[in-house]
Protein backbone atom coordinates (compact mmCIF):
# COMPACT_ATOMS: atom_id res chain seq x y z
CA MET A 1 0.00 0.00 0.00
CA ASP A 2 0.97 3.67 -0.44
CA SER A 3 3.73 4.64 2.00
CA GLU A 4 1.99 8.02 2.34
CA THR A 5 -1.12 6.40 3.87
CA ILE A 6 -2.58 7.97 7.01
CA ALA A 7 -4.26 5.45 9.35
CA TYR A 8 -7.18 7.12 11.14
CA PHE A 9 -8.46 5.34 14.26
CA SER A 10 -11.71 6.30 15.95
CA MET A 11 -14.00 4.43 18.36
CA GLU A 12 -16.94 5.77 16.37
CA ILE A 13 -17.40 6.96 12.80
CA ALA A 14 -20.71 8.12 11.32
CA LEU A 15 -20.49 6.57 7.87
CA GLU A 16 -24.12 6.92 6.82
CA GLU A 17 -27.58 7.07 8.35
CA GLY A 18 -28.25 3.32 8.22
CA ILE A 19 -25.06 2.25 9.98
CA PRO A 20 -25.30 2.74 13.78
CA SER A 21 -21.55 3.16 14.29
CA TYR A 22 -21.72 6.50 16.15
CA SER A 23 -23.24 8.04 19.26
CA GLY A 24 -22.83 11.74 18.62
CA GLY A 25 -20.41 14.53 17.82
CA LEU A 26 -17.16 12.54 17.90
CA GLY A 27 -18.39 10.02 15.34
CA VAL A 28 -20.13 12.58 13.13
CA LEU A 29 -16.96 14.69 13.12
CA ALA A 30 -14.92 11.62 12.09
CA GLY A 31 -17.29 10.82 9.24
CA ASP A 32 -17.30 14.42 8.01
CA MET A 33 -13.51 14.58 8.14
CA LEU A 34 -13.17 11.41 6.07
CA ARG A 35 -15.67 12.69 3.49
CA SER A 36 -13.58 15.81 3.03
CA ALA A 37 -10.43 13.68 2.84
CA ALA A 38 -12.07 11.75 -0.01
CA ASP A 39 -13.01 15.03 -1.71
CA LEU A 40 -9.35 16.10 -1.52
CA LYS A 41 -8.09 12.64 -2.62
CA LEU A 42 -5.99 12.07 0.48
CA PRO A 43 -4.53 8.58 1.09
CA ILE A 44 -6.32 7.72 4.35
CA ALA A 45 -7.55 4.39 5.71
CA ALA A 46 -9.97 4.48 8.66
CA VAL A 47 -10.37 1.89 11.42
CA THR A 48 -13.27 1.53 13.84
CA LEU A 49 -15.41 -1.24 15.36
CA LEU A 50 -18.56 -2.81 13.95
CA TYR A 51 -21.44 -2.36 16.35
CA ARG A 52 -24.05 -5.00 15.55
CA LYS A 53 -26.49 -3.57 18.10
CA GLY A 54 -25.43 0.03 17.65
CA TYR A 55 -25.31 2.64 20.38
CA PHE A 56 -29.03 2.21 21.10
CA TYR A 57 -32.47 3.09 19.79
CA GLN A 58 -34.06 5.64 22.13
CA LYS A 59 -37.69 5.49 23.22
CA LEU A 60 -39.28 8.17 25.42
CA ASN A 61 -42.58 7.63 27.21
CA SER A 62 -45.09 10.37 28.06
CA GLN A 63 -43.11 11.35 31.18
CA GLY A 64 -39.82 11.60 29.28
CA ILE A 65 -38.40 8.39 30.76
CA GLN A 66 -35.83 7.00 28.35
CA SER A 67 -35.58 3.31 27.50
CA GLU A 68 -33.07 1.72 25.16
CA ARG A 69 -33.37 -0.97 22.53
CA PRO A 70 -30.70 -2.62 20.38
CA VAL A 71 -30.51 -1.22 16.86
CA GLU A 72 -31.57 -3.70 14.21
CA TRP A 73 -29.62 -3.52 10.95
CA VAL A 74 -28.39 -5.97 8.32
CA VAL A 75 -24.60 -5.70 8.13
CA PRO A 76 -24.09 -7.17 4.62
CA ASP A 77 -26.55 -4.64 3.20
CA PHE A 78 -24.02 -1.89 3.91
CA LEU A 79 -20.59 -3.52 4.24
CA GLU A 80 -18.38 -5.97 2.38
CA GLU A 81 -16.84 -8.76 4.44
CA LEU A 82 -13.12 -9.23 3.88
CA PRO A 83 -11.48 -12.67 4.04
CA HIS A 84 -8.59 -11.56 6.26
CA ARG A 85 -8.38 -12.72 9.89
CA ILE A 86 -6.16 -11.55 12.71
CA GLU A 87 -6.21 -12.33 16.41
CA VAL A 88 -5.76 -10.44 19.64
CA SER A 89 -5.08 -11.84 23.10
CA VAL A 90 -7.34 -11.23 26.11
CA GLU A 91 -6.32 -12.91 29.38
CA GLY A 92 -4.27 -15.37 27.33
CA ARG A 93 -7.09 -16.53 25.06
CA LYS A 94 -6.98 -15.79 21.37
CA ILE A 95 -9.87 -13.83 19.88
CA GLN A 96 -10.40 -13.96 16.12
CA VAL A 97 -11.15 -10.65 14.40
CA ARG A 98 -12.43 -9.99 10.90
CA ALA A 99 -12.99 -6.74 9.02
CA TRP A 100 -15.84 -5.36 6.97
CA GLN A 101 -15.15 -2.62 4.44
CA TYR A 102 -17.12 0.53 3.70
CA ASN A 103 -15.95 2.92 1.00
CA ILE A 104 -16.35 6.66 1.55
CA THR A 105 -16.51 7.89 -2.05
CA SER A 106 -16.29 11.46 -3.30
CA LYS A 107 -18.40 12.91 -6.08
CA GLU A 108 -15.42 12.43 -8.40
CA GLY A 109 -15.14 8.73 -7.48
CA TYR A 110 -12.14 8.75 -5.12
CA SER A 111 -12.65 6.26 -2.26
CA ILE A 112 -11.34 6.06 1.28
CA PRO A 113 -11.75 2.64 2.92
CA ALA A 114 -13.16 2.34 6.42
CA TYR A 115 -12.49 -1.00 8.10
CA LEU A 116 -14.97 -2.07 10.78
CA LEU A 117 -13.55 -4.75 13.08
CA ASP A 118 -15.82 -7.59 14.19
CA THR A 119 -15.35 -10.38 16.77
CA ASP A 120 -18.75 -12.00 16.22
CA LEU A 121 -17.27 -15.18 14.76
CA PRO A 122 -18.14 -18.83 15.56
CA GLU A 123 -14.51 -19.52 16.51
CA ASN A 124 -14.83 -17.15 19.49
CA SER A 125 -16.55 -17.77 22.84
CA THR A 126 -20.06 -16.44 23.36
CA TRP A 127 -18.83 -13.48 25.43
CA ASP A 128 -15.96 -12.63 23.08
CA ARG A 129 -18.41 -12.52 20.19
CA THR A 130 -20.25 -9.66 21.92
CA LEU A 131 -17.17 -7.43 22.12
CA THR A 132 -18.14 -5.54 19.00
CA HIS A 133 -21.89 -5.45 19.66
CA PHE A 134 -22.39 -2.19 21.57
CA LEU A 135 -20.77 1.23 21.27
CA TYR A 136 -19.79 2.45 24.76
CA GLY A 137 -21.64 -0.49 26.27
CA GLY A 138 -20.85 -2.82 29.16
CA ASP A 139 -18.51 -2.17 32.05
CA GLN A 140 -14.90 -1.03 32.33
CA TYR A 141 -13.59 -4.50 31.51
CA TYR A 142 -15.73 -4.68 28.36
CA ARG A 143 -14.49 -1.25 27.29
CA PHE A 144 -10.84 -2.17 27.80
CA CYS A 145 -11.26 -5.33 25.73
CA GLN A 146 -12.92 -3.28 22.99
CA GLU A 147 -9.98 -0.89 22.99
CA ILE A 148 -7.59 -3.82 22.57
CA VAL A 149 -9.55 -4.90 19.50
CA LEU A 150 -9.56 -1.35 18.12
CA GLY A 151 -5.95 -0.38 18.83
CA ILE A 152 -3.91 -3.57 18.73
CA GLY A 153 -6.30 -5.41 16.44
CA GLY A 154 -6.61 -2.41 14.15
CA VAL A 155 -2.87 -2.22 13.49
CA ARG A 156 -2.69 -5.97 12.90
CA MET A 157 -5.61 -5.85 10.49
CA LEU A 158 -4.05 -3.03 8.50
CA ARG A 159 -0.85 -5.07 8.22
CA ALA A 160 -2.86 -8.12 7.10
CA LEU A 161 -4.51 -5.95 4.44
CA GLY A 162 -1.12 -4.93 3.07
CA TYR A 163 -0.55 -1.58 4.76
CA ASP A 164 3.14 -2.20 5.48
CA GLN A 165 4.29 1.42 5.28
CA ILE A 166 1.98 3.85 7.07
CA ARG A 167 3.14 7.44 7.36
CA ARG A 168 1.07 8.49 10.37
CA PHE A 169 -1.31 6.90 12.87
CA HIS A 170 -3.97 9.40 13.91
CA MET A 171 -5.75 8.64 17.19
CA ASN A 172 -9.11 10.39 17.32
CA GLU A 173 -9.42 10.46 21.13
CA GLY A 174 -7.63 8.13 23.54
CA HIS A 175 -9.80 5.06 22.89
CA ALA A 176 -7.39 3.93 20.18
CA SER A 177 -4.17 4.60 22.08
CA LEU A 178 -3.31 0.91 22.56
CA LEU A 179 -2.23 0.97 18.94
CA THR A 180 0.99 2.50 20.28
CA LEU A 181 1.73 -0.72 22.17
CA GLU A 182 1.47 -2.73 18.96
CA LEU A 183 3.73 -0.25 17.16
CA LEU A 184 6.30 -0.47 19.97
CA ASP A 185 6.25 -4.26 19.73
CA GLU A 186 6.73 -4.05 15.97
CA GLU A 187 9.76 -1.81 16.38
CA ALA A 188 11.26 -4.05 19.09
CA LEU A 189 10.84 -7.09 16.83
CA ARG A 190 12.43 -5.21 13.96
CA ALA A 191 15.43 -4.44 16.19
CA ASN A 192 15.64 -8.06 17.43
CA LYS A 193 14.81 -7.01 20.99
CA LYS A 194 12.72 -8.99 23.45
CA GLN A 195 11.00 -5.80 24.60
CA PHE A 196 10.92 -2.20 23.52
CA THR A 197 13.14 0.55 24.94
CA HIS A 198 13.32 4.33 24.76
CA GLU A 199 14.76 3.98 21.28
CA GLU A 200 11.52 2.41 20.03
CA VAL A 201 9.47 5.01 21.90
CA GLU A 202 11.12 7.80 19.90
CA ILE A 203 10.50 5.99 16.61
CA VAL A 204 6.83 5.40 17.41
CA LYS A 205 6.29 9.00 18.54
CA LYS A 206 7.29 10.23 15.09
CA LYS A 207 4.50 8.12 13.59
CA CYS A 208 1.64 9.13 15.91
CA ILE A 209 -0.83 12.01 16.09
CA PHE A 210 -3.37 12.52 18.86
CA THR A 211 -6.52 14.64 18.87
CA THR A 212 -8.12 15.19 22.27
CA HIS A 213 -11.79 16.14 22.17
CA THR A 214 -12.96 16.83 25.70
CA PRO A 215 -12.09 18.53 28.99
CA VAL A 216 -14.77 16.37 30.68
CA VAL A 217 -13.17 13.90 33.11
CA ALA A 218 -15.46 11.03 32.04
CA GLY A 219 -14.16 11.41 28.50
CA HIS A 220 -10.68 10.17 29.47
CA ASP A 221 -10.58 6.41 29.94
CA LYS A 222 -8.72 5.06 32.95
CA PHE A 223 -8.11 1.39 33.71
CA PRO A 224 -6.63 -0.04 36.94
CA ARG A 225 -3.17 -1.57 36.63
CA GLU A 226 -4.41 -4.93 37.95
CA MET A 227 -6.99 -5.17 35.15
CA VAL A 228 -4.50 -4.13 32.48
CA GLU A 229 -1.91 -6.68 33.60
CA LYS A 230 -4.56 -9.40 33.87
CA VAL A 231 -6.03 -8.74 30.44
CA LEU A 232 -2.80 -8.07 28.54
CA GLN A 233 -0.75 -10.50 30.66
CA ARG A 234 2.21 -8.17 30.31
CA LYS A 235 3.67 -6.70 33.46
CA GLU A 236 6.81 -5.40 31.80
CA ILE A 237 5.07 -2.53 30.01
CA PHE A 238 4.59 -0.68 33.28
CA ASP A 239 8.36 -0.62 33.80
CA MET A 240 8.35 2.47 31.57
CA LYS A 241 6.25 4.55 33.91
CA GLU A 242 6.66 7.75 31.95
CA VAL A 243 4.89 6.06 29.03
CA PHE A 244 2.27 3.71 30.47
CA CYS A 245 1.59 4.31 34.13
CA CYS A 246 0.02 7.18 35.97
CA GLU A 247 -0.59 6.61 39.70
CA GLY A 248 -1.26 2.89 39.31
CA ILE A 249 -3.63 3.22 36.37
CA LEU A 250 -3.47 3.16 32.61
CA ASN A 251 -4.83 6.49 31.43
CA THR A 252 -5.37 6.16 27.69
CA THR A 253 -5.17 9.93 27.19
CA TYR A 254 -1.72 10.07 28.79
CA LEU A 255 -0.65 7.04 26.76
CA ALA A 256 -1.58 8.89 23.57
CA LEU A 257 0.03 12.12 24.80
CA ASN A 258 3.28 10.35 25.67
CA LEU A 259 3.56 8.61 22.31
CA SER A 260 2.53 11.33 19.85
CA HIS A 261 4.73 13.90 18.14
CA TYR A 262 1.75 16.13 17.33
CA ILE A 263 -1.18 16.78 19.69
CA ASN A 264 -4.13 19.06 19.14
CA GLY A 265 -7.33 20.27 20.70
CA VAL A 266 -10.40 20.92 18.56
CA ALA A 267 -10.85 24.69 18.96
CA LYS A 268 -8.55 27.53 19.97
CA ARG A 269 -10.24 27.81 23.35
CA HIS A 270 -10.02 24.03 23.83
CA GLY A 271 -6.32 24.16 22.97
CA GLU A 272 -5.84 26.65 25.81
CA ILE A 273 -7.81 24.46 28.24
CA SER A 274 -5.88 21.36 27.17
CA ARG A 275 -2.54 23.08 27.76
CA LEU A 276 -3.72 23.87 31.29
CA MET A 277 -4.90 20.29 31.84
CA PHE A 278 -1.75 18.69 30.40
CA ALA A 279 0.84 21.33 31.16
CA LYS A 280 4.00 19.43 30.25
CA TYR A 281 2.86 18.70 26.68
CA SER A 282 3.00 20.88 23.58
CA ILE A 283 -0.63 21.06 22.40
CA ASP A 284 -1.77 22.84 19.25
CA SER A 285 -5.34 23.39 18.08
CA ILE A 286 -7.21 22.69 14.86
CA THR A 287 -10.79 23.89 15.08
CA ASN A 288 -13.37 21.33 14.02
CA GLY A 289 -15.60 21.69 11.00
CA VAL A 290 -18.45 19.94 9.20
CA HIS A 291 -18.75 18.51 5.69
CA ALA A 292 -20.57 21.24 3.82
CA ALA A 293 -22.06 19.14 1.01
CA THR A 294 -23.53 16.74 3.60
CA TRP A 295 -25.12 19.34 5.87
CA VAL A 296 -26.38 22.01 3.46
CA SER A 297 -30.11 21.38 2.98
CA GLN A 298 -31.70 20.86 -0.41
CA ALA A 299 -33.17 24.37 -0.65
CA PHE A 300 -29.83 25.98 0.20
CA GLN A 301 -27.92 23.67 -2.15
CA GLU A 302 -30.14 24.93 -4.97
CA LEU A 303 -29.63 28.52 -3.80
CA TYR A 304 -25.83 28.16 -3.69
CA ASP A 305 -25.77 26.37 -7.04
CA ARG A 306 -27.43 29.42 -8.60
CA HIS A 307 -25.30 32.08 -6.93
CA ILE A 308 -22.01 30.35 -5.93
CA PRO A 309 -21.28 27.57 -8.46
CA GLY A 310 -18.42 25.34 -7.31
CA TRP A 311 -19.12 25.88 -3.59
CA ARG A 312 -18.90 22.12 -2.90
CA GLU A 313 -15.37 21.96 -4.28
CA ASP A 314 -14.35 25.27 -2.70
CA ASN A 315 -16.17 25.87 0.59
CA PHE A 316 -14.32 29.17 1.05
CA SER A 317 -16.35 30.56 -1.86
CA LEU A 318 -19.41 30.60 0.41
CA ARG A 319 -18.16 33.99 1.55
CA SER A 320 -19.91 35.24 -1.60
CA ALA A 321 -23.25 34.60 0.12
CA LEU A 322 -23.12 38.28 1.13
CA SER A 323 -24.42 39.09 -2.33
CA ILE A 324 -27.45 36.78 -2.29
CA PRO A 325 -30.74 38.76 -2.22
CA ASN A 326 -32.72 38.78 1.02
CA SER A 327 -35.83 37.27 -0.51
CA GLU A 328 -33.98 34.25 -1.85
CA ILE A 329 -32.29 33.51 1.47
CA TRP A 330 -35.60 33.77 3.32
CA ASN A 331 -37.47 31.64 0.79
CA ALA A 332 -34.88 28.87 1.04
CA HIS A 333 -34.99 29.01 4.84
CA PHE A 334 -38.78 29.06 5.02
CA LYS A 335 -39.00 26.08 2.67
CA GLN A 336 -36.75 24.02 4.97
CA LYS A 337 -38.50 25.28 8.10
CA LYS A 338 -41.92 24.36 6.71
CA LEU A 339 -40.73 20.83 5.92
CA PHE A 340 -39.33 20.42 9.42
CA ILE A 341 -42.34 21.87 11.24
CA GLU A 342 -44.61 19.56 9.24
CA TYR A 343 -42.40 16.64 10.33
CA VAL A 344 -42.55 17.76 13.99
CA ASN A 345 -46.32 18.06 13.88
CA ARG A 346 -46.69 14.62 12.31
CA GLU A 347 -44.47 13.09 15.00
CA THR A 348 -45.86 14.96 18.02
CA ASN A 349 -49.26 16.40 17.12
CA GLU A 350 -48.28 19.61 18.95
CA GLY A 351 -49.43 22.14 16.35
CA PHE A 352 -46.17 24.07 15.86
CA ASP A 353 -46.47 27.25 13.78
CA CYS A 354 -44.08 28.05 10.89
CA ASN A 355 -44.33 31.78 11.58
CA ILE A 356 -43.18 31.64 15.21
CA LEU A 357 -39.52 31.96 16.24
CA THR A 358 -38.29 28.40 16.71
CA LEU A 359 -35.31 27.56 18.90
CA GLY A 360 -33.48 24.27 18.34
CA PHE A 361 -31.44 22.40 20.97
CA ALA A 362 -30.08 18.95 20.06
CA ARG A 363 -27.07 17.17 21.54
CA ARG A 364 -26.24 14.30 23.85
CA SER A 365 -28.15 14.75 27.10
CA ALA A 366 -25.45 15.28 29.73
CA THR A 367 -25.72 17.58 32.73
CA TYR A 368 -22.83 19.87 31.69
CA LYS A 369 -24.69 20.69 28.46
CA ARG A 370 -27.47 22.17 30.64
CA GLY A 371 -30.45 21.32 28.47
CA GLY A 372 -32.81 22.86 31.01
CA LEU A 373 -31.05 26.23 31.40
CA LEU A 374 -33.69 28.03 29.32
CA PHE A 375 -36.24 27.12 32.02
CA HIS A 376 -34.22 28.25 35.04
CA ASP A 377 -36.82 30.92 35.85
CA ILE A 378 -40.14 30.00 34.26
CA LEU A 379 -41.95 33.16 35.38
CA LYS A 380 -39.28 35.39 33.86
CA LEU A 381 -39.32 33.36 30.63
CA LYS A 382 -43.11 33.67 30.31
CA GLU A 383 -42.94 37.39 31.02
CA LEU A 384 -40.28 38.10 28.41
CA VAL A 385 -42.16 36.13 25.75
CA SER A 386 -45.33 38.10 26.47
CA LYS A 387 -43.38 41.33 25.95
CA ALA A 388 -40.99 40.49 23.09
CA GLY A 389 -42.94 37.96 21.01
CA PRO A 390 -43.78 34.25 20.84
CA ILE A 391 -41.25 31.41 20.72
CA GLN A 392 -41.42 27.63 20.42
CA VAL A 393 -38.65 25.16 21.29
CA ILE A 394 -37.60 21.82 19.80
CA TYR A 395 -35.30 19.46 21.72
CA ALA A 396 -33.62 16.18 20.83
CA GLY A 397 -30.77 14.05 22.16
CA LYS A 398 -29.96 10.76 23.85
CA ALA A 399 -28.63 10.21 27.35
CA HIS A 400 -26.08 7.43 27.80
CA PRO A 401 -27.88 4.35 29.20
CA GLN A 402 -25.82 4.54 32.41
CA ASP A 403 -26.12 8.33 32.83
CA GLN A 404 -29.11 8.78 35.14
CA PRO A 405 -28.53 12.52 35.64
CA GLY A 406 -28.55 12.92 31.85
CA LYS A 407 -31.83 10.99 31.69
CA ASP A 408 -33.23 13.23 34.42
CA VAL A 409 -32.59 16.28 32.22
CA ILE A 410 -34.92 14.80 29.59
CA LYS A 411 -37.59 14.09 32.22
CA TYR A 412 -37.27 17.67 33.49
CA ILE A 413 -37.86 19.09 30.00
CA PHE A 414 -40.98 16.94 29.69
CA GLN A 415 -42.25 18.33 33.01
CA ILE A 416 -41.58 21.91 31.90
CA LYS A 417 -43.33 21.18 28.61
CA GLU A 418 -46.55 20.56 30.53
CA GLN A 419 -46.13 23.60 32.75
CA LEU A 420 -45.57 25.96 29.81
CA LYS A 421 -47.97 24.47 27.27
CA GLU A 422 -50.33 27.47 27.43
CA SER A 423 -47.58 29.99 26.63
CA ILE A 424 -44.65 28.21 24.93
CA LYS A 425 -44.85 25.05 22.83
CA ILE A 426 -42.03 22.58 23.57
CA VAL A 427 -41.33 19.16 22.07
CA TYR A 428 -38.62 16.58 22.65
CA LEU A 429 -38.02 14.42 19.58
CA GLU A 430 -36.84 10.87 20.28
CA ASN A 431 -33.95 8.91 18.77
CA TYR A 432 -31.81 11.81 17.55
CA ASP A 433 -29.65 10.67 14.61
CA ILE A 434 -28.03 12.04 11.44
CA ASP A 435 -31.29 12.22 9.53
CA MET A 436 -33.01 14.19 12.30
CA ALA A 437 -29.95 16.40 12.73
CA LYS A 438 -30.17 17.37 9.05
CA LYS A 439 -33.80 18.31 9.49
CA MET A 440 -33.18 20.30 12.69
CA THR A 441 -30.07 22.21 11.65
CA SER A 442 -31.88 23.50 8.58
CA GLY A 443 -35.40 23.79 9.99
CA VAL A 444 -35.21 25.90 13.15
CA ASP A 445 -34.58 29.65 13.27
CA ILE A 446 -31.93 29.85 16.01
CA TRP A 447 -29.57 27.23 17.37
CA LEU A 448 -29.34 27.34 21.18
CA ASN A 449 -26.21 26.17 23.01
CA THR A 450 -25.89 26.29 26.80
CA PRO A 451 -22.86 24.29 28.03
CA GLN A 452 -21.13 24.88 31.34
CA THR A 453 -17.85 26.58 30.51
CA PRO A 454 -15.21 25.40 29.79
CA MET A 455 -16.68 21.95 29.07
CA GLU A 456 -17.57 22.44 25.40
CA ALA A 457 -14.40 21.40 23.57
CA SER A 458 -15.73 22.49 20.21
CA GLY A 459 -19.30 21.58 19.26
CA THR A 460 -20.24 21.25 15.61
CA SER A 461 -24.05 21.36 15.47
CA GLY A 462 -24.00 25.17 15.31
CA MET A 463 -21.63 24.94 12.34
CA LYS A 464 -24.17 22.78 10.49
CA ALA A 465 -26.84 25.36 11.28
CA ALA A 466 -24.62 28.19 10.01
CA LEU A 467 -24.29 26.51 6.60
CA ASN A 468 -28.08 26.79 6.40
CA GLY A 469 -28.11 30.42 7.46
CA ILE A 470 -29.20 29.70 11.02
CA PRO A 471 -27.49 31.85 13.66
CA MET A 472 -26.47 30.52 17.07
CA LEU A 473 -27.22 31.86 20.53
CA SER A 474 -24.56 30.39 22.79
CA ILE A 475 -22.36 30.51 25.84
CA PRO A 476 -18.86 31.72 24.83
CA ASP A 477 -17.19 28.32 24.68
CA GLY A 478 -15.80 25.89 22.13
CA TRP A 479 -15.77 27.04 18.51
CA TRP A 480 -18.20 29.89 19.26
CA VAL A 481 -15.38 31.91 20.81
CA GLU A 482 -14.00 32.09 17.26
CA GLY A 483 -17.29 32.08 15.35
CA CYS A 484 -19.34 34.72 17.12
CA ILE A 485 -19.28 38.30 15.90
CA GLU A 486 -21.96 39.73 18.16
CA GLY A 487 -25.06 40.71 16.24
CA ILE A 488 -23.42 39.76 12.94
CA THR A 489 -23.17 35.94 13.00
CA GLY A 490 -25.26 35.36 16.11
CA TRP A 491 -25.17 36.18 19.81
CA THR A 492 -23.32 35.26 22.98
CA PHE A 493 -24.73 35.23 26.49
CA GLY A 494 -23.03 34.54 29.80
CA LYS A 495 -19.49 35.42 30.71
CA THR A 496 -16.22 33.60 30.17
CA PRO A 497 -15.03 32.99 33.75
CA ILE A 498 -11.45 33.85 34.66
CA ASN A 499 -11.39 31.25 37.41
CA GLY A 500 -13.88 28.43 37.89
CA THR A 501 -17.29 28.60 36.27
CA THR A 502 -20.26 30.91 36.12
CA THR A 503 -23.56 30.00 37.78
CA ASP A 504 -26.73 28.75 36.15
CA ALA A 505 -28.60 31.71 37.60
CA SER A 506 -26.31 34.36 36.12
CA ASP A 507 -26.13 32.61 32.73
CA ALA A 508 -29.91 32.16 32.58
CA ASN A 509 -30.50 35.80 33.49
CA ASP A 510 -28.15 36.90 30.72
CA LEU A 511 -29.92 34.52 28.30
CA TYR A 512 -33.31 36.05 29.15
CA ASN A 513 -32.02 39.58 28.66
CA LYS A 514 -30.52 38.70 25.29
CA LEU A 515 -33.71 36.97 24.14
CA GLU A 516 -36.02 39.77 25.22
CA ASN A 517 -33.99 42.78 24.12
CA VAL A 518 -32.08 41.50 21.09
CA VAL A 519 -32.84 38.08 19.65
CA ILE A 520 -36.65 37.98 19.55
CA PRO A 521 -37.01 41.58 18.28
CA THR A 522 -34.39 40.88 15.60
CA PHE A 523 -36.19 37.78 14.37
CA TYR A 524 -39.48 39.60 13.97
CA ASP A 525 -37.69 42.36 12.01
CA ARG A 526 -37.10 40.18 8.97
CA ASP A 527 -34.52 42.25 7.11
CA ARG A 528 -32.31 42.51 10.19
CA PHE A 529 -32.57 38.78 10.78
CA ILE A 530 -31.80 37.88 7.15
CA ASN A 531 -28.69 40.05 7.31
CA ILE A 532 -27.45 37.90 10.20
CA MET A 533 -28.36 34.73 8.28
CA ARG A 534 -26.29 35.94 5.32
CA HIS A 535 -23.26 36.58 7.53
CA CYS A 536 -23.63 33.15 9.16
CA ILE A 537 -23.12 31.57 5.77
CA SER A 538 -20.42 33.88 4.44
CA LEU A 539 -18.28 34.11 7.58
CA ASN A 540 -18.91 30.86 9.47
CA GLY A 541 -20.10 28.48 6.77
CA SER A 542 -17.12 29.31 4.58
CA PHE A 543 -14.60 28.62 7.36
CA PHE A 544 -15.92 26.11 9.91
CA ASN A 545 -15.92 23.16 7.55
CA THR A 546 -13.89 19.96 7.30
CA GLN A 547 -12.40 21.04 3.98
CA ARG A 548 -10.43 23.73 5.83
CA MET A 549 -9.90 21.42 8.81
CA ILE A 550 -8.38 18.52 6.86
CA GLN A 551 -6.07 20.91 5.04
CA GLN A 552 -4.77 22.04 8.43
CA TYR A 553 -4.15 18.44 9.48
CA VAL A 554 -2.24 17.89 6.23
CA THR A 555 0.05 20.88 6.72
CA LYS A 556 0.45 20.68 10.51
CA ALA A 557 0.50 16.94 11.19
CA TYR A 558 0.21 14.45 8.35
CA PHE A 559 2.95 15.57 5.97
CA ARG A 560 5.13 17.66 8.20
């Protein structure tokens, strides 16, 4: 295989709507990045796991209580099984692994292969066959075994497929960091050594790239030394404490940090936070993006085709949206909004109105994302709506099956929905996925984002909205620190804390003031609002895309 090949490892990759190989932003970002890599004809091969039962299918009852079901899908309908077999060792037993191939193909026909690893083979024990069934499922032991399959098994599968000379190994989050152990073993074998030394560490570092995606503690996997030694049956690796061990645990983030020559956060602000978290490491930043051709809605694709031909090939040309007439921008938006509102009404029977300001909020339901912040003071919210004008709100998002506080956020929104039904219509759409995300990010009027600073590493849903002319109203965190020009591309509320975090009360109060005095009046003054829509596209849509992002990885990390 091409010696210039980049091997891209990610625990989740959103390949297409029918393949449940993603849970949220991390996987969607990976899929968008690979689509842009295909557009640019880059030599990349992707590795992930095949999840036969997906993340989960979300059901919500009338009280907002979430239940989960396995996702049913037919693997051969989407993927091609490859004949190659490799094995990994877990507690001394050999587990057989196969790969299924999916080709990410550009409009011009250039393909990037994604290899989905699968242990569901008759040669394996019943339990081992389940290792690639659920994304982020099971307990800590299950997760560690999955990461062995992804990291160690992924490198072995690439070698079996003929990828002998790989230029860089890109770890998208720490889940794949065990690939470094396999690379160290390869180098030791090449040098006729029984085990690797610092010499091999330096060689492997030159091959590895690490992207960290979260300042949230739960996002950094940690495994106790006893489990690691039991599962890998290798005590000697902990002899190199500066590489593998951190206070008696294997921290996969530190493993990736210690064995990568290039490390980056996913927004400028996140780069700053990461340098504070991991002070002894040199950490750059490459701000995330989205794949424009995937996320621009049909009405806006037709609009751009008329006014900005070639925008798919050159996303930067979207800056020319400043010259598109107001009426055409509004007509495209209203067409998409009408389609979405009709969908919402069919699904919920709530009678949403196309002419009312519609806020959209969709992301994984976790407490730090503060899905209920808008309802911090219900009386104040009702009062401001009565003064400034009507609003309606559409929510979506899954809580991790083991995240009860995240599930409680959904229940809380359902309770508020009943309390406010006479003054503000609220719905919570179930089973948020790519298809629904496309509808939402083109069908609401304003994208709402309320994370607790500084927990939003980047966020990309607001970027998708921007491509469809939808401005964001957000806390100053993640990519919005770069993307917000107040009153031009959207609005910020809340303060960026110097030390610690701001309070829900102060952020909610600032949100109410911004809604009442700026956002709602602007929406109901159509020309003013369309001017902001136009700048969303020209300033944010033209820049916060994976075409720009992948070019930065090429120049900063892949071929440097």
